[in-house]
Amino acid sequence: MDTGTHIVMGLALCGLAQADPLVAEHAPTATAVYAGLMLGSQAPDVDTVLKLRNNAVYIRNHRGFTHGIPMVLAWPFIISLPLALILPEANFLHLWLWTQLAVFLHVFVDIFNSYGTQALRPFSQQWVALGVINTFDPIIFFAHIVALAAWFFGADPVLTMLILYALLTLYYVVRFSVQAAVRHAVRNTIPDAGDIIIAPTMRFYQWRIAACSDTHHYVGRAYGRSITILDRFPRRPIPDNELVRTAFEDPNFRAFIAFSPIYRWEITDLGTVCEVRLIDLRYRSKEYYPFVAVAHIDEEMEIRNSFTGWIFSEDKLRKKLSFAHEEG
């Protein structure tokens, strides 16, 4: 989920924590628990700082190690121990338990996005992405805002948050049901489709679709059970030659391939260099595919420049590649 949603979820947990008699009656424990809940609800996303290094490192590692099982168990201690030193009168067990809940809930809700997490590390490097909830879901966010407002104006925090979580549980069940209906409609529309990716949007009934048959890639939209195919590309095996092998050794390409389960390729002769481009088919936006990996390779099979990430116009992509070349 996005940072804002994780923040309101942490605040909602502060209300639920009032169910703990020690939190409700012991001020130092309450203060420590509230701090632990807010920090725990954000801690796994500390890997966002990797973006300061470069896109390839960020794409390959965001929601990876910091969301794996060892860190889910470690974060509560990393957060609780300093808080216990600052507030020695706080009950450490209760602080640790509530912080553990915040960390677990952060990782748990992230698996319902299209991006997903490597929540099964170290047992599996596979990305767990159920794809039923958009990274920012307005219904989930504003439901939390309403619940927090009710608490602010005097409603019982425990009962309010329990009602909130019951309604959100029902909402998740409905989202799975809608996704299943969309998948069934896609199979009716593209009978020979093998891989089908259905990704949510901020609109309840609208979904992004990317599918593959043996011969074609399909990109479309669903509104309810109504499927619209927007693009259809022939599915061609990528050439096995020195140019392609050179591109696929580039860190930007390795990061892209690790992240993107469905993409097409283009090779273009630009005169002084050849451009190898991989295009993720899951994120079509206004007839453009913004998530790409691009490498420019010269006649001596040297990579002049490369890039992976989100670019919403060719002009911006050229500027990024030129900047990367100047930096290199």
C-alpha atoms as a PDB file:
ATOM      1  CA  MET A   1       0.000   0.000   0.000  1.00  0.00           C
ATOM      2  CA  ASP A   2       1.011   3.639  -0.240  1.00  0.00           C
ATOM      3  CA  THR A   3       2.594   5.536   2.663  1.00  0.00           C
ATOM      4  CA  GLY A   4      -0.586   7.459   3.483  1.00  0.00           C
ATOM      5  CA  THR A   5      -2.611   4.271   3.851  1.00  0.00           C
ATOM      6  CA  HIS A   6       0.029   2.695   6.078  1.00  0.00           C
ATOM      7  CA  ILE A   7      -0.087   5.810   8.285  1.00  0.00           C
ATOM      8  CA  VAL A   8      -3.870   5.701   8.766  1.00  0.00           C
ATOM      9  CA  MET A   9      -3.647   1.961   9.396  1.00  0.00           C
ATOM     10  CA  GLY A  10      -1.115   2.642  12.162  1.00  0.00           C
ATOM     11  CA  LEU A  11      -3.472   5.212  13.680  1.00  0.00           C
ATOM     12  CA  ALA A  12      -6.362   2.745  13.516  1.00  0.00           C
ATOM     13  CA  LEU A  13      -4.241   0.193  15.379  1.00  0.00           C
ATOM     14  CA  CYS A  14      -3.682   2.824  18.072  1.00  0.00           C
ATOM     15  CA  GLY A  15      -7.444   2.871  18.560  1.00  0.00           C
ATOM     16  CA  LEU A  16      -7.644  -0.918  18.619  1.00  0.00           C
ATOM     17  CA  ALA A  17      -4.838  -1.026  21.194  1.00  0.00           C
ATOM     18  CA  GLN A  18      -7.267   0.504  23.682  1.00  0.00           C
ATOM     19  CA  ALA A  19      -8.619  -3.038  24.035  1.00  0.00           C
ATOM     20  CA  ASP A  20      -5.423  -3.835  25.960  1.00  0.00           C
ATOM     21  CA  PRO A  21      -6.071  -2.865  29.609  1.00  0.00           C
ATOM     22  CA  LEU A  22      -2.414  -2.018  30.148  1.00  0.00           C
ATOM     23  CA  VAL A  23      -2.414   0.361  27.198  1.00  0.00           C
ATOM     24  CA  ALA A  24      -5.698   1.920  28.305  1.00  0.00           C
ATOM     25  CA  GLU A  25      -4.607   2.423  31.934  1.00  0.00           C
ATOM     26  CA  HIS A  26      -0.812   2.830  31.928  1.00  0.00           C
ATOM     27  CA  ALA A  27       0.386   6.046  30.276  1.00  0.00           C
ATOM     28  CA  PRO A  28       4.059   5.061  29.651  1.00  0.00           C
ATOM     29  CA  THR A  29       2.988   1.786  28.025  1.00  0.00           C
ATOM     30  CA  ALA A  30       0.367   3.596  25.961  1.00  0.00           C
ATOM     31  CA  THR A  31       2.901   6.148  24.725  1.00  0.00           C
ATOM     32  CA  ALA A  32       5.419   3.449  23.828  1.00  0.00           C
ATOM     33  CA  VAL A  33       2.797   1.277  22.113  1.00  0.00           C
ATOM     34  CA  TYR A  34       1.469   4.179  20.030  1.00  0.00           C
ATOM     35  CA  ALA A  35       5.017   4.996  18.908  1.00  0.00           C
ATOM     36  CA  GLY A  36       5.701   1.327  18.168  1.00  0.00           C
ATOM     37  CA  LEU A  37       2.517   1.018  16.121  1.00  0.00           C
ATOM     38  CA  MET A  38       3.288   4.070  14.015  1.00  0.00           C
ATOM     39  CA  LEU A  39       6.922   3.082  13.441  1.00  0.00           C
ATOM     40  CA  GLY A  40       6.008  -0.552  12.838  1.00  0.00           C
ATOM     41  CA  SER A  41       3.406   0.407  10.256  1.00  0.00           C
ATOM     42  CA  GLN A  42       6.137   2.163   8.231  1.00  0.00           C
ATOM     43  CA  ALA A  43       9.357   0.250   8.984  1.00  0.00           C
ATOM     44  CA  PRO A  44       9.309  -2.343   6.150  1.00  0.00           C
ATOM     45  CA  ASP A  45       9.257   0.475   3.592  1.00  0.00           C
ATOM     46  CA  VAL A  46      12.613   1.809   4.766  1.00  0.00           C
ATOM     47  CA  ASP A  47      14.018   0.250   1.586  1.00  0.00           C
ATOM     48  CA  THR A  48      12.488   3.155  -0.339  1.00  0.00           C
ATOM     49  CA  VAL A  49      15.814   4.926   0.266  1.00  0.00           C
ATOM     50  CA  LEU A  50      17.318   2.568  -2.346  1.00  0.00           C
ATOM     51  CA  LYS A  51      15.754   4.813  -4.970  1.00  0.00           C
ATOM     52  CA  LEU A  52      18.445   7.357  -4.110  1.00  0.00           C
ATOM     53  CA  ARG A  53      21.007   4.908  -5.478  1.00  0.00           C
ATOM     54  CA  ASN A  54      19.379   4.002  -8.808  1.00  0.00           C
ATOM     55  CA  ASN A  55      16.174   2.599 -10.278  1.00  0.00           C
ATOM     56  CA  ALA A  56      17.599  -0.861 -10.923  1.00  0.00           C
ATOM     57  CA  VAL A  57      18.555  -1.423  -7.285  1.00  0.00           C
ATOM     58  CA  TYR A  58      15.232  -0.006  -6.087  1.00  0.00           C
ATOM     59  CA  ILE A  59      13.079  -2.091  -8.450  1.00  0.00           C
ATOM     60  CA  ARG A  60      14.936  -5.281  -7.663  1.00  0.00           C
ATOM     61  CA  ASN A  61      14.933  -4.858  -3.876  1.00  0.00           C
ATOM     62  CA  HIS A  62      11.892  -2.771  -2.877  1.00  0.00           C
ATOM     63  CA  ARG A  63       9.522  -4.910  -0.794  1.00  0.00           C
ATOM     64  CA  GLY A  64      12.137  -7.643  -0.809  1.00  0.00           C
ATOM     65  CA  PHE A  65      14.434  -8.311   2.158  1.00  0.00           C
ATOM     66  CA  THR A  66      12.720  -5.770   4.433  1.00  0.00           C
ATOM     67  CA  HIS A  67       9.375  -7.565   3.943  1.00  0.00           C
ATOM     68  CA  GLY A  68      10.721 -11.116   4.395  1.00  0.00           C
ATOM     69  CA  ILE A  69      10.072 -13.359   7.380  1.00  0.00           C
ATOM     70  CA  PRO A  70      13.389 -12.625   9.196  1.00  0.00           C
ATOM     71  CA  MET A  71      12.775  -8.867   9.090  1.00  0.00           C
ATOM     72  CA  VAL A  72       9.099  -9.212  10.026  1.00  0.00           C
ATOM     73  CA  LEU A  73      10.372 -10.863  13.201  1.00  0.00           C
ATOM     74  CA  ALA A  74      13.303  -8.468  13.635  1.00  0.00           C
ATOM     75  CA  TRP A  75      11.543  -5.118  13.105  1.00  0.00           C
ATOM     76  CA  PRO A  76       9.560  -5.304  16.388  1.00  0.00           C
ATOM     77  CA  PHE A  77      12.795  -5.716  18.376  1.00  0.00           C
ATOM     78  CA  ILE A  78      14.603  -3.019  16.364  1.00  0.00           C
ATOM     79  CA  ILE A  79      11.741  -0.624  17.172  1.00  0.00           C
ATOM     80  CA  SER A  80      10.814  -1.770  20.689  1.00  0.00           C
ATOM     81  CA  LEU A  81      14.279  -1.868  22.274  1.00  0.00           C
ATOM     82  CA  PRO A  82      15.050   1.868  21.759  1.00  0.00           C
ATOM     83  CA  LEU A  83      11.520   2.787  22.859  1.00  0.00           C
ATOM     84  CA  ALA A  84      11.979   0.706  26.012  1.00  0.00           C
ATOM     85  CA  LEU A  85      15.184   2.600  26.771  1.00  0.00           C
ATOM     86  CA  ILE A  86      13.416   5.925  26.286  1.00  0.00           C
ATOM     87  CA  LEU A  87      10.368   4.817  28.311  1.00  0.00           C
ATOM     88  CA  PRO A  88      11.705   2.273  30.819  1.00  0.00           C
ATOM     89  CA  GLU A  89       8.396   2.181  32.714  1.00  0.00           C
ATOM     90  CA  ALA A  90       6.561   0.830  29.654  1.00  0.00           C
ATOM     91  CA  ASN A  91       5.686  -2.849  29.590  1.00  0.00           C
ATOM     92  CA  PHE A  92       8.070  -4.340  27.036  1.00  0.00           C
ATOM     93  CA  LEU A  93       6.008  -7.439  26.237  1.00  0.00           C
ATOM     94  CA  HIS A  94       2.925  -5.423  25.337  1.00  0.00           C
ATOM     95  CA  LEU A  95       5.041  -2.946  23.359  1.00  0.00           C
ATOM     96  CA  TRP A  96       6.668  -5.749  21.400  1.00  0.00           C
ATOM     97  CA  LEU A  97       3.392  -7.571  20.691  1.00  0.00           C
ATOM     98  CA  TRP A  98       1.587  -4.501  19.346  1.00  0.00           C
ATOM     99  CA  THR A  99       4.599  -3.503  17.272  1.00  0.00           C
ATOM    100  CA  GLN A 100       4.745  -7.027  15.862  1.00  0.00           C
ATOM    101  CA  LEU A 101       1.099  -6.707  14.832  1.00  0.00           C
ATOM    102  CA  ALA A 102       1.799  -3.410  13.014  1.00  0.00           C
ATOM    103  CA  VAL A 103       4.749  -4.868  11.087  1.00  0.00           C
ATOM    104  CA  PHE A 104       2.870  -8.036  10.183  1.00  0.00           C
ATOM    105  CA  LEU A 105      -0.180  -6.075   9.006  1.00  0.00           C
ATOM    106  CA  HIS A 106       2.012  -3.839   6.814  1.00  0.00           C
ATOM    107  CA  VAL A 107       3.502  -6.827   4.977  1.00  0.00           C
ATOM    108  CA  PHE A 108       0.218  -8.724   4.907  1.00  0.00           C
ATOM    109  CA  VAL A 109      -1.761  -5.985   3.152  1.00  0.00           C
ATOM    110  CA  ASP A 110       1.074  -5.417   0.652  1.00  0.00           C
ATOM    111  CA  ILE A 111       0.673  -8.917  -0.781  1.00  0.00           C
ATOM    112  CA  PHE A 112      -2.784  -7.962  -2.091  1.00  0.00           C
ATOM    113  CA  ASN A 113      -1.292  -5.354  -4.477  1.00  0.00           C
ATOM    114  CA  SER A 114      -0.065  -6.022  -8.010  1.00  0.00           C
ATOM    115  CA  TYR A 115       3.486  -5.116  -6.934  1.00  0.00           C
ATOM    116  CA  GLY A 116       3.448  -7.638  -4.089  1.00  0.00           C
ATOM    117  CA  THR A 117       6.298  -8.539  -1.759  1.00  0.00           C
ATOM    118  CA  GLN A 118       8.896 -11.238  -1.240  1.00  0.00           C
ATOM    119  CA  ALA A 119       7.127 -12.117   1.992  1.00  0.00           C
ATOM    120  CA  LEU A 120       8.287 -15.754   1.912  1.00  0.00           C
ATOM    121  CA  ARG A 121      12.001 -14.953   2.059  1.00  0.00           C
ATOM    122  CA  PRO A 122      14.304 -16.731   2.823  1.00  0.00           C
ATOM    123  CA  PHE A 123      12.303 -19.826   1.829  1.00  0.00           C
ATOM    124  CA  SER A 124      11.376 -18.406  -1.577  1.00  0.00           C
ATOM    125  CA  GLN A 125      12.452 -15.452  -3.686  1.00  0.00           C
ATOM    126  CA  GLN A 126       9.090 -15.479  -5.472  1.00  0.00           C
ATOM    127  CA  TRP A 127       7.009 -12.300  -5.450  1.00  0.00           C
ATOM    128  CA  VAL A 128       3.665 -12.801  -3.722  1.00  0.00           C
ATOM    129  CA  ALA A 129       1.236 -10.466  -5.490  1.00  0.00           C
ATOM    130  CA  LEU A 130      -2.470 -11.281  -5.400  1.00  0.00           C
ATOM    131  CA  GLY A 131      -3.437  -8.208  -7.423  1.00  0.00           C
ATOM    132  CA  VAL A 132      -6.854  -7.452  -5.932  1.00  0.00           C
ATOM    133  CA  ILE A 133      -6.167  -4.092  -4.254  1.00  0.00           C
ATOM    134  CA  ASN A 134      -4.613  -1.038  -5.908  1.00  0.00           C
ATOM    135  CA  THR A 135      -1.510   0.411  -4.238  1.00  0.00           C
ATOM    136  CA  PHE A 136      -3.736   3.329  -3.257  1.00  0.00           C
ATOM    137  CA  ASP A 137      -7.305   2.222  -2.705  1.00  0.00           C
ATOM    138  CA  PRO A 138      -9.590   5.195  -1.966  1.00  0.00           C
ATOM    139  CA  ILE A 139     -12.215   3.013  -0.271  1.00  0.00           C
ATOM    140  CA  ILE A 140      -9.695   1.589   2.201  1.00  0.00           C
ATOM    141  CA  PHE A 141      -8.061   4.972   2.824  1.00  0.00           C
ATOM    142  CA  PHE A 142     -11.262   6.941   3.363  1.00  0.00           C
ATOM    143  CA  ALA A 143     -12.842   4.167   5.445  1.00  0.00           C
ATOM    144  CA  HIS A 144      -9.920   4.632   7.839  1.00  0.00           C
ATOM    145  CA  ILE A 145     -10.391   8.414   7.768  1.00  0.00           C
ATOM    146  CA  VAL A 146     -14.086   8.026   8.685  1.00  0.00           C
ATOM    147  CA  ALA A 147     -13.251   5.614  11.520  1.00  0.00           C
ATOM    148  CA  LEU A 148     -10.525   7.899  12.866  1.00  0.00           C
ATOM    149  CA  ALA A 149     -12.873  10.899  12.672  1.00  0.00           C
ATOM    150  CA  ALA A 150     -15.516   8.959  14.601  1.00  0.00           C
ATOM    151  CA  TRP A 151     -12.933   8.177  17.284  1.00  0.00           C
ATOM    152  CA  PHE A 152     -11.874  11.834  17.401  1.00  0.00           C
ATOM    153  CA  PHE A 153     -15.480  12.913  17.962  1.00  0.00           C
ATOM    154  CA  GLY A 154     -16.016  10.498  20.837  1.00  0.00           C
ATOM    155  CA  ALA A 155     -16.874   7.063  19.447  1.00  0.00           C
ATOM    156  CA  ASP A 156     -15.489   4.045  21.276  1.00  0.00           C
ATOM    157  CA  PRO A 157     -12.131   3.375  19.541  1.00  0.00           C
ATOM    158  CA  VAL A 158     -12.128  -0.396  19.980  1.00  0.00           C
ATOM    159  CA  LEU A 159     -15.659  -0.927  18.691  1.00  0.00           C
ATOM    160  CA  THR A 160     -15.074   1.562  15.864  1.00  0.00           C
ATOM    161  CA  MET A 161     -11.911  -0.165  14.658  1.00  0.00           C
ATOM    162  CA  LEU A 162     -13.459  -3.621  14.960  1.00  0.00           C
ATOM    163  CA  ILE A 163     -16.338  -2.480  12.751  1.00  0.00           C
ATOM    164  CA  LEU A 164     -13.805  -0.957  10.337  1.00  0.00           C
ATOM    165  CA  TYR A 165     -11.828  -4.203  10.064  1.00  0.00           C
ATOM    166  CA  ALA A 166     -14.986  -6.296   9.677  1.00  0.00           C
ATOM    167  CA  LEU A 167     -16.162  -4.104   6.798  1.00  0.00           C
ATOM    168  CA  LEU A 168     -12.725  -4.133   5.159  1.00  0.00           C
ATOM    169  CA  THR A 169     -12.568  -7.929   5.430  1.00  0.00           C
ATOM    170  CA  LEU A 170     -15.883  -8.076   3.565  1.00  0.00           C
ATOM    171  CA  TYR A 171     -14.503  -5.593   1.024  1.00  0.00           C
ATOM    172  CA  TYR A 172     -11.488  -7.829   0.349  1.00  0.00           C
ATOM    173  CA  VAL A 173     -13.790 -10.827  -0.170  1.00  0.00           C
ATOM    174  CA  VAL A 174     -15.822  -8.808  -2.684  1.00  0.00           C
ATOM    175  CA  ARG A 175     -12.648  -7.751  -4.514  1.00  0.00           C
ATOM    176  CA  PHE A 176     -11.575 -11.390  -4.898  1.00  0.00           C
ATOM    177  CA  SER A 177     -15.040 -12.217  -6.223  1.00  0.00           C
ATOM    178  CA  VAL A 178     -14.926  -9.387  -8.773  1.00  0.00           C
ATOM    179  CA  GLN A 179     -11.407 -10.370  -9.867  1.00  0.00           C
ATOM    180  CA  ALA A 180     -12.538 -13.975 -10.397  1.00  0.00           C
ATOM    181  CA  ALA A 181     -15.454 -12.768 -12.528  1.00  0.00           C
ATOM    182  CA  VAL A 182     -13.091 -10.639 -14.623  1.00  0.00           C
ATOM    183  CA  ARG A 183     -10.713 -13.577 -15.098  1.00  0.00           C
ATOM    184  CA  HIS A 184     -13.595 -15.738 -16.292  1.00  0.00           C
ATOM    185  CA  ALA A 185     -14.639 -13.008 -18.743  1.00  0.00           C
ATOM    186  CA  VAL A 186     -11.054 -12.723 -20.065  1.00  0.00           C
ATOM    187  CA  ARG A 187     -10.926 -16.485 -20.704  1.00  0.00           C
ATOM    188  CA  ASN A 188     -14.195 -16.224 -22.623  1.00  0.00           C
ATOM    189  CA  THR A 189     -12.785 -13.329 -24.678  1.00  0.00           C
ATOM    190  CA  ILE A 190      -9.341 -14.913 -25.272  1.00  0.00           C
ATOM    191  CA  PRO A 191      -9.968 -18.679 -25.133  1.00  0.00           C
ATOM    192  CA  ASP A 192      -6.356 -19.594 -25.924  1.00  0.00           C
ATOM    193  CA  ALA A 193      -4.847 -17.310 -23.253  1.00  0.00           C
ATOM    194  CA  GLY A 194      -2.339 -18.998 -20.994  1.00  0.00           C
ATOM    195  CA  ASP A 195      -0.897 -16.397 -18.646  1.00  0.00           C
ATOM    196  CA  ILE A 196      -3.439 -13.796 -17.517  1.00  0.00           C
ATOM    197  CA  ILE A 197      -2.595 -10.858 -15.283  1.00  0.00           C
ATOM    198  CA  ILE A 198      -5.486  -8.842 -13.875  1.00  0.00           C
ATOM    199  CA  ALA A 199      -4.451  -5.716 -12.015  1.00  0.00           C
ATOM    200  CA  PRO A 200      -6.703  -3.354 -10.044  1.00  0.00           C
ATOM    201  CA  THR A 201      -7.055   0.373 -10.540  1.00  0.00           C
ATOM    202  CA  MET A 202      -8.380   3.057  -8.198  1.00  0.00           C
ATOM    203  CA  ARG A 203     -11.835   2.501  -9.710  1.00  0.00           C
ATOM    204  CA  PHE A 204     -13.787  -0.355  -8.173  1.00  0.00           C
ATOM    205  CA  TYR A 205     -15.022  -1.997 -11.387  1.00  0.00           C
ATOM    206  CA  GLN A 206     -12.105  -1.109 -13.670  1.00  0.00           C
ATOM    207  CA  TRP A 207      -9.135  -3.477 -14.072  1.00  0.00           C
ATOM    208  CA  ARG A 208      -6.029  -3.625 -16.271  1.00  0.00           C
ATOM    209  CA  ILE A 209      -5.503  -6.818 -18.256  1.00  0.00           C
ATOM    210  CA  ALA A 210      -2.404  -8.364 -19.819  1.00  0.00           C
ATOM    211  CA  ALA A 211      -2.576 -11.846 -21.290  1.00  0.00           C
ATOM    212  CA  CYS A 212      -0.485 -14.173 -23.434  1.00  0.00           C
ATOM    213  CA  SER A 213      -1.410 -16.934 -25.841  1.00  0.00           C
ATOM    214  CA  ASP A 214       1.091 -19.016 -27.795  1.00  0.00           C
ATOM    215  CA  THR A 215       0.959 -16.502 -30.639  1.00  0.00           C
ATOM    216  CA  HIS A 216       0.044 -13.091 -29.207  1.00  0.00           C
ATOM    217  CA  HIS A 217       0.235 -10.680 -26.293  1.00  0.00           C
ATOM    218  CA  TYR A 218      -3.047  -8.958 -25.401  1.00  0.00           C
ATOM    219  CA  VAL A 219      -3.520  -5.759 -23.442  1.00  0.00           C
ATOM    220  CA  GLY A 220      -6.925  -4.547 -22.369  1.00  0.00           C
ATOM    221  CA  ARG A 221      -9.282  -3.126 -19.812  1.00  0.00           C
ATOM    222  CA  ALA A 222     -12.190  -4.620 -17.948  1.00  0.00           C
ATOM    223  CA  TYR A 223     -15.165  -2.748 -16.611  1.00  0.00           C
ATOM    224  CA  GLY A 224     -17.048  -5.315 -14.617  1.00  0.00           C
ATOM    225  CA  ARG A 225     -17.321  -8.299 -16.952  1.00  0.00           C
ATOM    226  CA  SER A 226     -17.020  -6.192 -20.082  1.00  0.00           C
ATOM    227  CA  ILE A 227     -13.611  -6.791 -21.667  1.00  0.00           C
ATOM    228  CA  THR A 228     -12.045  -4.385 -24.160  1.00  0.00           C
ATOM    229  CA  ILE A 229      -8.858  -5.461 -25.957  1.00  0.00           C
ATOM    230  CA  LEU A 230      -6.805  -2.311 -26.579  1.00  0.00           C
ATOM    231  CA  ASP A 231      -3.626  -3.766 -28.130  1.00  0.00           C
ATOM    232  CA  ARG A 232      -2.622  -7.062 -29.684  1.00  0.00           C
ATOM    233  CA  PHE A 233       1.039  -7.853 -30.394  1.00  0.00           C
ATOM    234  CA  PRO A 234       2.520 -10.907 -32.142  1.00  0.00           C
ATOM    235  CA  ARG A 235       4.463 -13.001 -29.661  1.00  0.00           C
ATOM    236  CA  ARG A 236       7.986 -13.540 -30.981  1.00  0.00           C
ATOM    237  CA  PRO A 237      10.924 -15.264 -29.300  1.00  0.00           C
ATOM    238  CA  ILE A 238      13.666 -12.785 -28.524  1.00  0.00           C
ATOM    239  CA  PRO A 239      16.785 -13.383 -30.691  1.00  0.00           C
ATOM    240  CA  ASP A 240      19.651 -15.283 -29.116  1.00  0.00           C
ATOM    241  CA  ASN A 241      22.581 -13.187 -30.303  1.00  0.00           C
ATOM    242  CA  GLU A 242      25.460 -11.191 -28.878  1.00  0.00           C
ATOM    243  CA  LEU A 243      23.496  -7.925 -28.912  1.00  0.00           C
ATOM    244  CA  VAL A 244      20.663  -9.339 -26.817  1.00  0.00           C
ATOM    245  CA  ARG A 245      22.992 -11.218 -24.492  1.00  0.00           C
ATOM    246  CA  THR A 246      24.922  -8.006 -23.861  1.00  0.00           C
ATOM    247  CA  ALA A 247      21.707  -6.106 -23.054  1.00  0.00           C
ATOM    248  CA  PHE A 248      20.489  -8.834 -20.708  1.00  0.00           C
ATOM    249  CA  GLU A 249      23.713  -8.632 -18.696  1.00  0.00           C
ATOM    250  CA  ASP A 250      22.999  -4.972 -17.891  1.00  0.00           C
ATOM    251  CA  PRO A 251      21.796  -4.374 -14.288  1.00  0.00           C
ATOM    252  CA  ASN A 252      18.807  -2.377 -15.534  1.00  0.00           C
ATOM    253  CA  PHE A 253      17.660  -5.287 -17.694  1.00  0.00           C
ATOM    254  CA  ARG A 254      18.195  -7.814 -14.911  1.00  0.00           C
ATOM    255  CA  ALA A 255      16.102  -5.686 -12.565  1.00  0.00           C
ATOM    256  CA  PHE A 256      13.339  -5.330 -15.159  1.00  0.00           C
ATOM    257  CA  ILE A 257      13.176  -9.064 -15.873  1.00  0.00           C
ATOM    258  CA  ALA A 258      13.095  -9.893 -12.170  1.00  0.00           C
ATOM    259  CA  PHE A 259      10.104  -7.571 -11.737  1.00  0.00           C
ATOM    260  CA  SER A 260       8.106  -7.951 -14.969  1.00  0.00           C
ATOM    261  CA  PRO A 261       6.341 -11.255 -15.685  1.00  0.00           C
ATOM    262  CA  ILE A 262       4.908 -10.201 -19.054  1.00  0.00           C
ATOM    263  CA  TYR A 263       6.655  -7.971 -21.582  1.00  0.00           C
ATOM    264  CA  ARG A 264       7.459  -7.600 -25.268  1.00  0.00           C
ATOM    265  CA  TRP A 265      10.716  -6.533 -26.922  1.00  0.00           C
ATOM    266  CA  GLU A 266      11.909  -4.206 -29.670  1.00  0.00           C
ATOM    267  CA  ILE A 267      15.318  -3.861 -31.356  1.00  0.00           C
ATOM    268  CA  THR A 268      15.916  -0.673 -33.336  1.00  0.00           C
ATOM    269  CA  ASP A 269      18.977   0.396 -35.341  1.00  0.00           C
ATOM    270  CA  LEU A 270      19.630   4.049 -34.460  1.00  0.00           C
ATOM    271  CA  GLY A 271      22.731   4.377 -36.621  1.00  0.00           C
ATOM    272  CA  THR A 272      25.617   4.684 -34.174  1.00  0.00           C
ATOM    273  CA  VAL A 273      23.948   2.327 -31.682  1.00  0.00           C
ATOM    274  CA  CYS A 274      21.284  -0.367 -31.545  1.00  0.00           C
ATOM    275  CA  GLU A 275      18.482   0.078 -29.059  1.00  0.00           C
ATOM    276  CA  VAL A 276      17.167  -2.960 -27.202  1.00  0.00           C
ATOM    277  CA  ARG A 277      13.926  -2.236 -25.374  1.00  0.00           C
ATOM    278  CA  LEU A 278      11.752  -4.354 -23.063  1.00  0.00           C
ATOM    279  CA  ILE A 279       8.208  -3.074 -22.497  1.00  0.00           C
ATOM    280  CA  ASP A 280       6.082  -4.152 -19.537  1.00  0.00           C
ATOM    281  CA  LEU A 281       2.533  -4.771 -20.789  1.00  0.00           C
ATOM    282  CA  ARG A 282       0.772  -4.406 -17.441  1.00  0.00           C
ATOM    283  CA  TYR A 283       0.765  -0.623 -17.196  1.00  0.00           C
ATOM    284  CA  ARG A 284      -0.739   0.822 -20.376  1.00  0.00           C
ATOM    285  CA  SER A 285      -1.560   4.503 -19.841  1.00  0.00           C
ATOM    286  CA  LYS A 286      -3.072   6.695 -22.559  1.00  0.00           C
ATOM    287  CA  GLU A 287      -1.779   4.431 -25.347  1.00  0.00           C
ATOM    288  CA  TYR A 288       1.725   4.464 -23.848  1.00  0.00           C
ATOM    289  CA  TYR A 289       3.603   1.774 -21.913  1.00  0.00           C
ATOM    290  CA  PRO A 290       5.557   3.689 -19.264  1.00  0.00           C
ATOM    291  CA  PHE A 291       7.541   0.911 -17.574  1.00  0.00           C
ATOM    292  CA  VAL A 292      10.516  -0.043 -19.745  1.00  0.00           C
ATOM    293  CA  ALA A 293      14.120  -1.166 -19.834  1.00  0.00           C
ATOM    294  CA  VAL A 294      16.270   0.349 -22.597  1.00  0.00           C
ATOM    295  CA  ALA A 295      19.913  -0.154 -23.564  1.00  0.00           C
ATOM    296  CA  HIS A 296      21.949   1.491 -26.320  1.00  0.00           C
ATOM    297  CA  ILE A 297      24.732  -0.775 -27.567  1.00  0.00           C
ATOM    298  CA  ASP A 298      27.459   0.171 -30.031  1.00  0.00           C
ATOM    299  CA  GLU A 299      29.188  -1.928 -32.721  1.00  0.00           C
ATOM    300  CA  GLU A 300      31.795  -3.169 -30.252  1.00  0.00           C
ATOM    301  CA  MET A 301      29.017  -4.549 -28.032  1.00  0.00           C
ATOM    302  CA  GLU A 302      29.592  -1.915 -25.376  1.00  0.00           C
ATOM    303  CA  ILE A 303      26.581  -0.497 -23.569  1.00  0.00           C
ATOM    304  CA  ARG A 304      26.637   3.252 -24.104  1.00  0.00           C
ATOM    305  CA  ASN A 305      23.759   3.923 -21.725  1.00  0.00           C
ATOM    306  CA  SER A 306      20.779   2.143 -20.213  1.00  0.00           C
ATOM    307  CA  PHE A 307      17.720   2.833 -18.121  1.00  0.00           C
ATOM    308  CA  THR A 308      14.837   1.101 -16.401  1.00  0.00           C
ATOM    309  CA  GLY A 309      11.849   2.697 -14.735  1.00  0.00           C
ATOM    310  CA  TRP A 310       8.736   4.727 -15.377  1.00  0.00           C
ATOM    311  CA  ILE A 311       8.779   7.166 -18.305  1.00  0.00           C
ATOM    312  CA  PHE A 312       5.621   8.665 -19.768  1.00  0.00           C
ATOM    313  CA  SER A 313       6.995  10.108 -23.031  1.00  0.00           C
ATOM    314  CA  GLU A 314       9.735   9.356 -25.537  1.00  0.00           C
ATOM    315  CA  ASP A 315      11.254  12.822 -25.045  1.00  0.00           C
ATOM    316  CA  LYS A 316      11.723  12.184 -21.320  1.00  0.00           C
ATOM    317  CA  LEU A 317      13.198   8.768 -22.054  1.00  0.00           C
ATOM    318  CA  ARG A 318      15.762  10.280 -24.451  1.00  0.00           C
ATOM    319  CA  LYS A 319      16.696  12.856 -21.816  1.00  0.00           C
ATOM    320  CA  LYS A 320      17.117  10.125 -19.202  1.00  0.00           C
ATOM    321  CA  LEU A 321      19.343   8.110 -21.504  1.00  0.00           C
ATOM    322  CA  SER A 322      21.402  11.160 -22.434  1.00  0.00           C
ATOM    323  CA  PHE A 323      21.820  12.027 -18.758  1.00  0.00           C
ATOM    324  CA  ALA A 324      22.843   8.452 -17.942  1.00  0.00           C
ATOM    325  CA  HIS A 325      25.403   8.582 -20.758  1.00  0.00           C
ATOM    326  CA  GLU A 326      26.851  11.872 -19.462  1.00  0.00           C
ATOM    327  CA  GLU A 327      27.000  10.485 -15.910  1.00  0.00           C
ATOM    328  CA  GLY A 328      28.729   7.352 -17.166  1.00  0.00           C
END
